[in-house]
Amino acid sequence: MTHEEIKRHRVESVLKEIIPEALGTLDDERINGLTVTDVVCSKGRSDAKVYLDTSFLSEKEQGEALKQLRTVTGYIQNHCKQSEGWFKAPRFTFEFDHQLEKVSRIEDLFKQIEGRKSKKEDDQDES
């Protein structure tokens, strides 16, 4: 791992802690309870994608939350700069992380396959 990659990973981990703090200070209940699942910075650390957990939010609520997050991005950047003493903070892009849903669906499919296998084996044992 290069020195630049180490710096980027360090910034990502710091942002994973600071962004939820910044969201928690806001009065908007639609976004102050959002959970940050991951932060991925660009190579130069000038941009960062912030992935949020979709739990407990409908599609409509997710759209409203993203719209609200776009309006408070400047506040979140300032919060990050001030709390870490940075000269500048990355530009944030917020997205909802659907990876957890996909993993859950895949696990359910494996359970179904396992159930069918065991049922098939039981049927063969009886014959």
N, C-alpha and C. Protein backbone atom coordinates (compact mmCIF):
# COMPACT_ATOMS: atom_id res chain seq x y z
N MET A 1 0.85 -1.17 0.00
CA MET A 1 0.00 0.00 0.00
C MET A 1 0.90 1.24 0.00
N THR A 2 0.61 2.15 -0.89
CA THR A 2 1.45 3.35 -1.00
C THR A 2 1.08 4.36 0.09
N HIS A 3 1.95 5.33 0.24
CA HIS A 3 1.73 6.38 1.24
C HIS A 3 0.43 7.14 0.94
N GLU A 4 0.17 7.38 -0.33
CA GLU A 4 -1.04 8.11 -0.74
C GLU A 4 -2.30 7.31 -0.41
N GLU A 5 -2.27 6.01 -0.62
CA GLU A 5 -3.43 5.16 -0.28
C GLU A 5 -3.68 5.15 1.21
N ILE A 6 -2.62 5.12 1.99
CA ILE A 6 -2.75 5.14 3.45
C ILE A 6 -3.42 6.44 3.89
N LYS A 7 -2.98 7.57 3.32
CA LYS A 7 -3.59 8.86 3.66
C LYS A 7 -5.08 8.88 3.31
N ARG A 8 -5.39 8.33 2.13
CA ARG A 8 -6.79 8.32 1.69
C ARG A 8 -7.65 7.47 2.62
N HIS A 9 -7.15 6.29 3.00
CA HIS A 9 -7.90 5.43 3.93
C HIS A 9 -8.08 6.09 5.29
N ARG A 10 -7.07 6.82 5.71
CA ARG A 10 -7.16 7.53 6.99
C ARG A 10 -8.24 8.60 6.94
N VAL A 11 -8.27 9.36 5.85
CA VAL A 11 -9.29 10.39 5.67
C VAL A 11 -10.68 9.76 5.62
N GLU A 12 -10.81 8.64 4.92
CA GLU A 12 -12.11 7.96 4.83
C GLU A 12 -12.60 7.53 6.20
N SER A 13 -11.71 6.97 7.01
CA SER A 13 -12.14 6.51 8.33
C SER A 13 -12.50 7.68 9.25
N VAL A 14 -11.77 8.79 9.13
CA VAL A 14 -12.11 9.98 9.92
C VAL A 14 -13.47 10.52 9.50
N LEU A 15 -13.71 10.55 8.20
CA LEU A 15 -15.00 11.06 7.70
C LEU A 15 -16.16 10.17 8.14
N LYS A 16 -15.94 8.86 8.24
CA LYS A 16 -17.00 7.94 8.70
C LYS A 16 -17.43 8.28 10.12
N GLU A 17 -16.53 8.87 10.89
CA GLU A 17 -16.87 9.25 12.27
C GLU A 17 -17.45 10.66 12.34
N ILE A 18 -16.89 11.58 11.56
CA ILE A 18 -17.27 12.99 11.67
C ILE A 18 -18.62 13.28 11.01
N ILE A 19 -18.90 12.68 9.87
CA ILE A 19 -20.14 13.00 9.14
C ILE A 19 -21.37 12.66 9.98
N PRO A 20 -21.43 11.49 10.66
CA PRO A 20 -22.60 11.25 11.52
C PRO A 20 -22.73 12.28 12.65
N GLU A 21 -21.59 12.74 13.17
CA GLU A 21 -21.63 13.81 14.19
C GLU A 21 -22.29 15.05 13.62
N ALA A 22 -21.87 15.44 12.42
CA ALA A 22 -22.42 16.63 11.77
C ALA A 22 -23.90 16.45 11.50
N LEU A 23 -24.30 15.27 11.03
CA LEU A 23 -25.71 15.02 10.76
C LEU A 23 -26.53 15.07 12.05
N GLY A 24 -25.95 14.60 13.13
CA GLY A 24 -26.64 14.59 14.42
C GLY A 24 -26.90 15.97 14.98
N THR A 25 -26.11 16.95 14.56
CA THR A 25 -26.31 18.31 15.08
C THR A 25 -27.43 19.05 14.36
N LEU A 26 -27.92 18.50 13.25
CA LEU A 26 -28.96 19.16 12.47
C LEU A 26 -30.34 18.93 13.10
N ASP A 27 -31.25 19.87 12.87
CA ASP A 27 -32.59 19.78 13.43
C ASP A 27 -33.54 18.94 12.58
N ASP A 28 -33.13 18.57 11.40
CA ASP A 28 -33.99 17.83 10.49
C ASP A 28 -33.98 16.34 10.85
N GLU A 29 -35.12 15.83 11.30
CA GLU A 29 -35.17 14.43 11.72
C GLU A 29 -35.05 13.45 10.56
N ARG A 30 -35.27 13.92 9.34
CA ARG A 30 -35.12 13.04 8.18
C ARG A 30 -33.67 12.63 7.97
N ILE A 31 -32.74 13.49 8.36
CA ILE A 31 -31.34 13.18 8.07
C ILE A 31 -30.45 13.05 9.30
N ASN A 32 -30.89 13.53 10.46
CA ASN A 32 -29.96 13.45 11.60
C ASN A 32 -29.83 12.05 12.18
N GLY A 33 -30.70 11.13 11.77
CA GLY A 33 -30.58 9.77 12.25
C GLY A 33 -30.00 8.81 11.23
N LEU A 34 -29.54 9.34 10.09
CA LEU A 34 -28.99 8.47 9.05
C LEU A 34 -27.66 7.85 9.49
N THR A 35 -27.44 6.63 9.06
CA THR A 35 -26.22 5.90 9.40
C THR A 35 -25.30 5.87 8.18
N VAL A 36 -24.06 6.28 8.39
CA VAL A 36 -23.06 6.24 7.32
C VAL A 36 -22.46 4.84 7.29
N THR A 37 -22.62 4.15 6.16
CA THR A 37 -22.07 2.79 6.05
C THR A 37 -20.66 2.79 5.49
N ASP A 38 -20.35 3.76 4.64
CA ASP A 38 -19.02 3.80 4.05
C ASP A 38 -18.75 5.18 3.45
N VAL A 39 -17.48 5.50 3.35
CA VAL A 39 -17.03 6.73 2.68
C VAL A 39 -15.89 6.32 1.76
N VAL A 40 -16.00 6.74 0.49
CA VAL A 40 -14.95 6.42 -0.49
C VAL A 40 -14.47 7.73 -1.09
N CYS A 41 -13.19 8.03 -0.87
CA CYS A 41 -12.60 9.26 -1.39
C CYS A 41 -11.98 9.00 -2.77
N SER A 42 -11.94 10.06 -3.57
CA SER A 42 -11.25 9.98 -4.85
C SER A 42 -9.75 9.94 -4.59
N LYS A 43 -8.98 9.69 -5.64
CA LYS A 43 -7.53 9.57 -5.48
C LYS A 43 -6.91 10.80 -4.84
N GLY A 44 -7.31 11.97 -5.25
CA GLY A 44 -6.73 13.19 -4.70
C GLY A 44 -7.42 13.69 -3.44
N ARG A 45 -8.39 12.95 -2.95
CA ARG A 45 -9.17 13.26 -1.75
C ARG A 45 -9.94 14.57 -1.88
N SER A 46 -10.25 14.98 -3.12
CA SER A 46 -11.03 16.21 -3.30
C SER A 46 -12.53 15.93 -3.34
N ASP A 47 -12.89 14.68 -3.63
CA ASP A 47 -14.29 14.26 -3.67
C ASP A 47 -14.45 13.03 -2.79
N ALA A 48 -15.65 12.90 -2.21
CA ALA A 48 -15.93 11.72 -1.40
C ALA A 48 -17.38 11.31 -1.58
N LYS A 49 -17.58 10.02 -1.81
CA LYS A 49 -18.93 9.46 -1.87
C LYS A 49 -19.25 8.94 -0.49
N VAL A 50 -20.38 9.38 0.03
CA VAL A 50 -20.82 8.96 1.35
C VAL A 50 -22.01 8.03 1.15
N TYR A 51 -21.87 6.79 1.61
CA TYR A 51 -22.93 5.80 1.48
C TYR A 51 -23.71 5.72 2.78
N LEU A 52 -25.03 5.76 2.66
CA LEU A 52 -25.92 5.79 3.82
C LEU A 52 -26.78 4.54 3.85
N ASP A 53 -27.14 4.12 5.05
CA ASP A 53 -28.00 2.95 5.23
C ASP A 53 -29.43 3.29 4.86
N THR A 54 -30.08 2.38 4.15
CA THR A 54 -31.45 2.62 3.68
C THR A 54 -32.50 2.15 4.68
N SER A 55 -32.10 1.57 5.78
CA SER A 55 -33.06 1.02 6.74
C SER A 55 -34.09 2.05 7.16
N PHE A 56 -35.32 1.59 7.27
CA PHE A 56 -36.43 2.38 7.79
C PHE A 56 -36.85 3.54 6.89
N LEU A 57 -36.36 3.61 5.66
CA LEU A 57 -36.74 4.69 4.77
C LEU A 57 -37.37 4.14 3.49
N SER A 58 -38.49 4.73 3.11
CA SER A 58 -39.11 4.35 1.85
C SER A 58 -38.37 5.07 0.71
N GLU A 59 -38.71 4.72 -0.52
CA GLU A 59 -38.08 5.36 -1.68
C GLU A 59 -38.31 6.87 -1.66
N LYS A 60 -39.53 7.27 -1.32
CA LYS A 60 -39.86 8.70 -1.28
C LYS A 60 -39.04 9.41 -0.21
N GLU A 61 -38.94 8.80 0.97
CA GLU A 61 -38.17 9.40 2.06
C GLU A 61 -36.69 9.47 1.71
N GLN A 62 -36.19 8.48 0.98
CA GLN A 62 -34.78 8.52 0.55
C GLN A 62 -34.54 9.70 -0.38
N GLY A 63 -35.46 9.93 -1.30
CA GLY A 63 -35.33 11.07 -2.21
C GLY A 63 -35.35 12.40 -1.47
N GLU A 64 -36.26 12.51 -0.49
CA GLU A 64 -36.33 13.74 0.30
C GLU A 64 -35.05 13.94 1.11
N ALA A 65 -34.54 12.85 1.68
CA ALA A 65 -33.31 12.94 2.48
C ALA A 65 -32.13 13.37 1.60
N LEU A 66 -32.02 12.80 0.40
CA LEU A 66 -30.92 13.19 -0.49
C LEU A 66 -31.03 14.66 -0.88
N LYS A 67 -32.25 15.13 -1.12
CA LYS A 67 -32.46 16.53 -1.46
C LYS A 67 -32.02 17.43 -0.30
N GLN A 68 -32.39 17.05 0.91
CA GLN A 68 -32.01 17.83 2.09
C GLN A 68 -30.50 17.78 2.32
N LEU A 69 -29.90 16.61 2.09
CA LEU A 69 -28.45 16.48 2.27
C LEU A 69 -27.69 17.39 1.30
N ARG A 70 -28.21 17.54 0.08
CA ARG A 70 -27.55 18.43 -0.88
C ARG A 70 -27.55 19.87 -0.38
N THR A 71 -28.60 20.26 0.33
CA THR A 71 -28.67 21.65 0.81
C THR A 71 -27.74 21.89 2.01
N VAL A 72 -27.45 20.83 2.79
CA VAL A 72 -26.60 21.03 3.97
C VAL A 72 -25.17 20.54 3.77
N THR A 73 -24.80 20.23 2.54
CA THR A 73 -23.45 19.74 2.26
C THR A 73 -22.39 20.73 2.72
N GLY A 74 -22.60 22.02 2.48
CA GLY A 74 -21.63 23.03 2.89
C GLY A 74 -21.42 23.03 4.40
N TYR A 75 -22.51 22.89 5.14
CA TYR A 75 -22.41 22.84 6.61
C TYR A 75 -21.59 21.63 7.04
N ILE A 76 -21.84 20.48 6.41
CA ILE A 76 -21.12 19.26 6.77
C ILE A 76 -19.63 19.39 6.44
N GLN A 77 -19.33 20.01 5.30
CA GLN A 77 -17.92 20.24 4.94
C GLN A 77 -17.24 21.14 5.96
N ASN A 78 -17.91 22.22 6.35
CA ASN A 78 -17.35 23.13 7.35
C ASN A 78 -17.14 22.42 8.68
N HIS A 79 -18.10 21.60 9.07
CA HIS A 79 -17.98 20.85 10.33
C HIS A 79 -16.73 19.96 10.29
N CYS A 80 -16.52 19.28 9.16
CA CYS A 80 -15.36 18.40 9.02
C CYS A 80 -14.05 19.19 9.06
N LYS A 81 -14.03 20.32 8.36
CA LYS A 81 -12.81 21.16 8.36
C LYS A 81 -12.49 21.65 9.77
N GLN A 82 -13.50 22.15 10.47
CA GLN A 82 -13.26 22.71 11.80
C GLN A 82 -12.88 21.64 12.82
N SER A 83 -13.55 20.51 12.78
CA SER A 83 -13.27 19.50 13.80
C SER A 83 -11.91 18.85 13.61
N GLU A 84 -11.41 18.80 12.38
CA GLU A 84 -10.11 18.18 12.13
C GLU A 84 -9.00 19.19 11.87
N GLY A 85 -9.34 20.47 11.74
CA GLY A 85 -8.33 21.49 11.47
C GLY A 85 -7.80 21.43 10.05
N TRP A 86 -8.62 20.92 9.14
CA TRP A 86 -8.21 20.82 7.75
C TRP A 86 -8.35 22.16 7.05
N PHE A 87 -7.53 22.36 6.01
CA PHE A 87 -7.63 23.56 5.18
C PHE A 87 -8.86 23.48 4.28
N LYS A 88 -9.13 22.28 3.77
CA LYS A 88 -10.33 22.08 2.96
C LYS A 88 -10.83 20.66 3.19
N ALA A 89 -12.11 20.48 2.93
CA ALA A 89 -12.73 19.17 3.06
C ALA A 89 -13.17 18.70 1.67
N PRO A 90 -13.31 17.41 1.48
CA PRO A 90 -13.75 16.91 0.17
C PRO A 90 -15.18 17.36 -0.14
N ARG A 91 -15.50 17.40 -1.42
CA ARG A 91 -16.89 17.64 -1.83
C ARG A 91 -17.64 16.33 -1.66
N PHE A 92 -18.77 16.37 -0.98
CA PHE A 92 -19.51 15.16 -0.67
C PHE A 92 -20.61 14.89 -1.68
N THR A 93 -20.74 13.63 -2.03
CA THR A 93 -21.86 13.13 -2.82
C THR A 93 -22.50 12.05 -1.97
N PHE A 94 -23.79 12.18 -1.72
CA PHE A 94 -24.49 11.22 -0.87
C PHE A 94 -25.28 10.23 -1.71
N GLU A 95 -25.18 8.95 -1.33
CA GLU A 95 -25.93 7.89 -1.99
C GLU A 95 -26.39 6.90 -0.93
N PHE A 96 -27.50 6.23 -1.22
CA PHE A 96 -27.95 5.19 -0.31
C PHE A 96 -27.31 3.87 -0.71
N ASP A 97 -26.84 3.14 0.28
CA ASP A 97 -26.13 1.88 0.08
C ASP A 97 -27.13 0.74 0.03
N HIS A 98 -27.31 0.16 -1.14
CA HIS A 98 -28.24 -0.94 -1.31
C HIS A 98 -27.53 -2.29 -1.21
N GLN A 99 -26.26 -2.26 -0.87
CA GLN A 99 -25.46 -3.48 -0.77
C GLN A 99 -25.99 -4.41 0.31
N LEU A 100 -26.42 -3.85 1.45
CA LEU A 100 -26.92 -4.69 2.54
C LEU A 100 -28.17 -5.44 2.13
N GLU A 101 -29.04 -4.79 1.36
CA GLU A 101 -30.24 -5.46 0.87
C GLU A 101 -29.88 -6.60 -0.07
N LYS A 102 -28.91 -6.37 -0.93
CA LYS A 102 -28.48 -7.40 -1.88
C LYS A 102 -27.90 -8.60 -1.14
N VAL A 103 -27.08 -8.35 -0.14
CA VAL A 103 -26.47 -9.43 0.63
C VAL A 103 -27.56 -10.23 1.34
N SER A 104 -28.53 -9.54 1.88
CA SER A 104 -29.63 -10.22 2.57
C SER A 104 -30.41 -11.11 1.61
N ARG A 105 -30.69 -10.59 0.40
CA ARG A 105 -31.41 -11.39 -0.59
C ARG A 105 -30.61 -12.62 -1.01
N ILE A 106 -29.31 -12.46 -1.18
CA ILE A 106 -28.46 -13.59 -1.57
C ILE A 106 -28.46 -14.65 -0.46
N GLU A 107 -28.37 -14.21 0.80
CA GLU A 107 -28.40 -15.16 1.91
C GLU A 107 -29.72 -15.91 1.95
N ASP A 108 -30.83 -15.21 1.69
CA ASP A 108 -32.14 -15.87 1.64
C ASP A 108 -32.18 -16.92 0.54
N LEU A 109 -31.61 -16.59 -0.62
CA LEU A 109 -31.57 -17.55 -1.73
C LEU A 109 -30.76 -18.80 -1.35
N PHE A 110 -29.63 -18.61 -0.68
CA PHE A 110 -28.83 -19.75 -0.26
C PHE A 110 -29.60 -20.62 0.74
N LYS A 111 -30.35 -19.99 1.63
CA LYS A 111 -31.17 -20.75 2.58
C LYS A 111 -32.24 -21.55 1.85
N GLN A 112 -32.86 -20.94 0.84
CA GLN A 112 -33.87 -21.66 0.06
C GLN A 112 -33.25 -22.85 -0.66
N ILE A 113 -32.09 -22.66 -1.25
CA ILE A 113 -31.40 -23.75 -1.95
C ILE A 113 -31.06 -24.86 -0.98
N GLU A 114 -30.55 -24.50 0.18
CA GLU A 114 -30.20 -25.50 1.20
C GLU A 114 -31.43 -26.27 1.65
N GLY A 115 -32.55 -25.55 1.83
CA GLY A 115 -33.79 -26.20 2.22
C GLY A 115 -34.27 -27.18 1.16
N ARG A 116 -34.17 -26.81 -0.09
CA ARG A 116 -34.58 -27.70 -1.19
C ARG A 116 -33.68 -28.92 -1.26
N LYS A 117 -32.36 -28.70 -1.05
CA LYS A 117 -31.41 -29.82 -1.09
C LYS A 117 -31.73 -30.83 0.00
N SER A 118 -31.95 -30.32 1.22
CA SER A 118 -32.22 -31.24 2.34
C SER A 118 -33.55 -31.95 2.14
N LYS A 119 -34.54 -31.27 1.58
CA LYS A 119 -35.83 -31.90 1.31
C LYS A 119 -35.67 -32.99 0.25
N LYS A 120 -34.88 -32.71 -0.77
CA LYS A 120 -34.64 -33.68 -1.85
C LYS A 120 -33.93 -34.91 -1.29
N GLU A 121 -32.94 -34.69 -0.39
CA GLU A 121 -32.21 -35.79 0.21
C GLU A 121 -33.13 -36.62 1.10
N ASP A 122 -34.02 -35.97 1.83
CA ASP A 122 -34.98 -36.68 2.67
C ASP A 122 -35.92 -37.53 1.83
N ASP A 123 -36.36 -36.99 0.69
CA ASP A 123 -37.24 -37.73 -0.20
C ASP A 123 -36.53 -38.95 -0.77
N GLN A 124 -35.25 -38.82 -1.08
CA GLN A 124 -34.48 -39.94 -1.63
C GLN A 124 -34.26 -41.01 -0.57
N ASP A 125 -34.07 -40.62 0.68
CA ASP A 125 -33.85 -41.56 1.78
C ASP A 125 -35.10 -42.40 2.02
N GLU A 126 -36.27 -41.80 1.85
CA GLU A 126 -37.53 -42.49 2.08
C GLU A 126 -37.82 -43.52 1.00
N SER A 127 -37.30 -43.33 -0.21
CA SER A 127 -37.60 -44.26 -1.30
C SER A 127 -36.77 -45.49 -1.27
